[in-house]
Amino acid sequence: MSRKTAQQPHGPATVTVKGRDMRLRNIGLLLVAALAVWFIAANTGSVTIRLWIPTVTLPLWIVLTVTLLVGILLGLVIARRRAARD
C-alpha cells in the first residue's frame, strides 16, 4: 500500500538572523552593495574621461556611482521585461 503525501513547494532559501528569517538573495545583495560602496569610497582620485567630443575631468567616485546606478537601472528594466514576457 502506498501513502500519498502532500507535496509542498520549496520556498526561497532563508537563514535566521537575530530571530528574523532573511532570504539568502537579500543577504547577497546587501554584501554586494556594501562592497560597491566601499570600492567607490576608496577611489577618490580624479580621472579624465573622453566623451565623444568633450573631455571632462571628474572625481572617480562620481564616475563609479553613475556607472553603478546605470547598471542597476538597466538590470531592473531587463528584469521587468523578462517578467512581463513570462
Protein backbone atom coordinates (compact mmCIF):
# COMPACT_ATOMS: atom_id res chain seq x y z
CA MET A 1 0.00 0.00 0.00
CA SER A 2 1.37 3.40 -0.86
CA ARG A 3 0.93 6.58 1.09
CA LYS A 4 0.05 9.84 -0.54
CA THR A 5 1.82 12.82 0.91
CA ALA A 6 1.08 16.39 0.05
CA GLN A 7 3.99 17.84 -1.87
CA GLN A 8 4.77 21.33 -0.63
CA PRO A 9 6.67 23.60 -2.97
CA HIS A 10 10.06 24.68 -1.78
CA GLY A 11 10.27 28.30 -0.72
CA PRO A 12 13.26 30.56 -1.16
CA ALA A 13 16.40 29.69 0.78
CA THR A 14 16.42 31.52 4.09
CA VAL A 15 18.66 31.91 7.10
CA THR A 16 17.68 33.17 10.55
CA VAL A 17 19.49 36.31 11.69
CA LYS A 18 18.66 37.66 15.15
CA GLY A 19 15.34 35.83 15.13
CA ARG A 20 14.30 37.03 11.66
CA ASP A 21 14.21 34.89 8.54
CA MET A 22 16.22 36.53 5.76
CA ARG A 23 16.42 35.32 2.19
CA LEU A 24 19.91 34.42 1.06
CA ARG A 25 19.39 36.57 -2.02
CA ASN A 26 18.84 39.64 0.17
CA ILE A 27 21.98 38.91 2.17
CA GLY A 28 23.94 38.58 -1.07
CA LEU A 29 22.55 41.88 -2.36
CA LEU A 30 23.48 43.62 0.89
CA LEU A 31 27.00 42.22 0.67
CA VAL A 32 27.43 43.35 -2.95
CA ALA A 33 26.03 46.80 -2.11
CA ALA A 34 28.44 47.16 0.83
CA LEU A 35 31.38 46.15 -1.36
CA ALA A 36 30.31 48.63 -4.05
CA VAL A 37 30.07 51.48 -1.53
CA TRP A 38 33.46 50.55 -0.09
CA PHE A 39 35.03 50.41 -3.57
CA ILE A 40 33.54 53.76 -4.55
CA ALA A 41 34.67 55.39 -1.29
CA ALA A 42 38.21 54.05 -1.72
CA ASN A 43 38.62 55.57 -5.20
CA THR A 44 38.58 59.33 -4.80
CA GLY A 45 41.18 60.45 -7.33
CA SER A 46 40.35 62.48 -10.43
CA VAL A 47 40.14 60.93 -13.87
CA THR A 48 39.85 62.36 -17.34
CA ILE A 49 37.06 60.90 -19.42
CA ARG A 50 36.69 61.49 -23.10
CA LEU A 51 33.11 61.51 -24.22
CA TRP A 52 32.51 61.67 -27.97
CA ILE A 53 33.70 65.24 -28.32
CA PRO A 54 34.25 66.85 -24.90
CA THR A 55 36.86 65.74 -22.39
CA VAL A 56 35.87 66.05 -18.74
CA THR A 57 37.82 65.65 -15.52
CA LEU A 58 35.77 64.24 -12.65
CA PRO A 59 36.42 62.51 -9.35
CA LEU A 60 36.46 58.76 -9.89
CA TRP A 61 33.81 58.18 -7.21
CA ILE A 62 31.27 60.15 -9.30
CA VAL A 63 32.06 58.07 -12.39
CA LEU A 64 31.74 54.83 -10.43
CA THR A 65 28.47 55.92 -8.80
CA VAL A 66 26.93 56.89 -12.14
CA THR A 67 28.09 53.59 -13.64
CA LEU A 68 26.58 51.65 -10.73
CA LEU A 69 23.24 53.48 -10.99
CA VAL A 70 23.06 52.96 -14.77
CA GLY A 71 23.82 49.25 -14.25
CA ILE A 72 21.08 48.94 -11.62
CA LEU A 73 18.61 50.75 -13.87
CA LEU A 74 19.40 48.52 -16.85
CA GLY A 75 19.12 45.42 -14.66
CA LEU A 76 15.69 46.50 -13.43
CA VAL A 77 14.49 47.24 -16.96
CA ILE A 78 15.69 43.85 -18.23
CA ALA A 79 14.15 42.04 -15.24
CA ARG A 80 10.82 43.79 -15.77
CA ARG A 81 10.78 42.93 -19.48
CA ARG A 82 11.70 39.32 -18.73
CA ALA A 83 8.94 39.07 -16.09
CA ALA A 84 6.38 40.57 -18.49
CA ARG A 85 7.39 38.07 -21.17
CA ASP A 86 6.89 35.06 -18.90
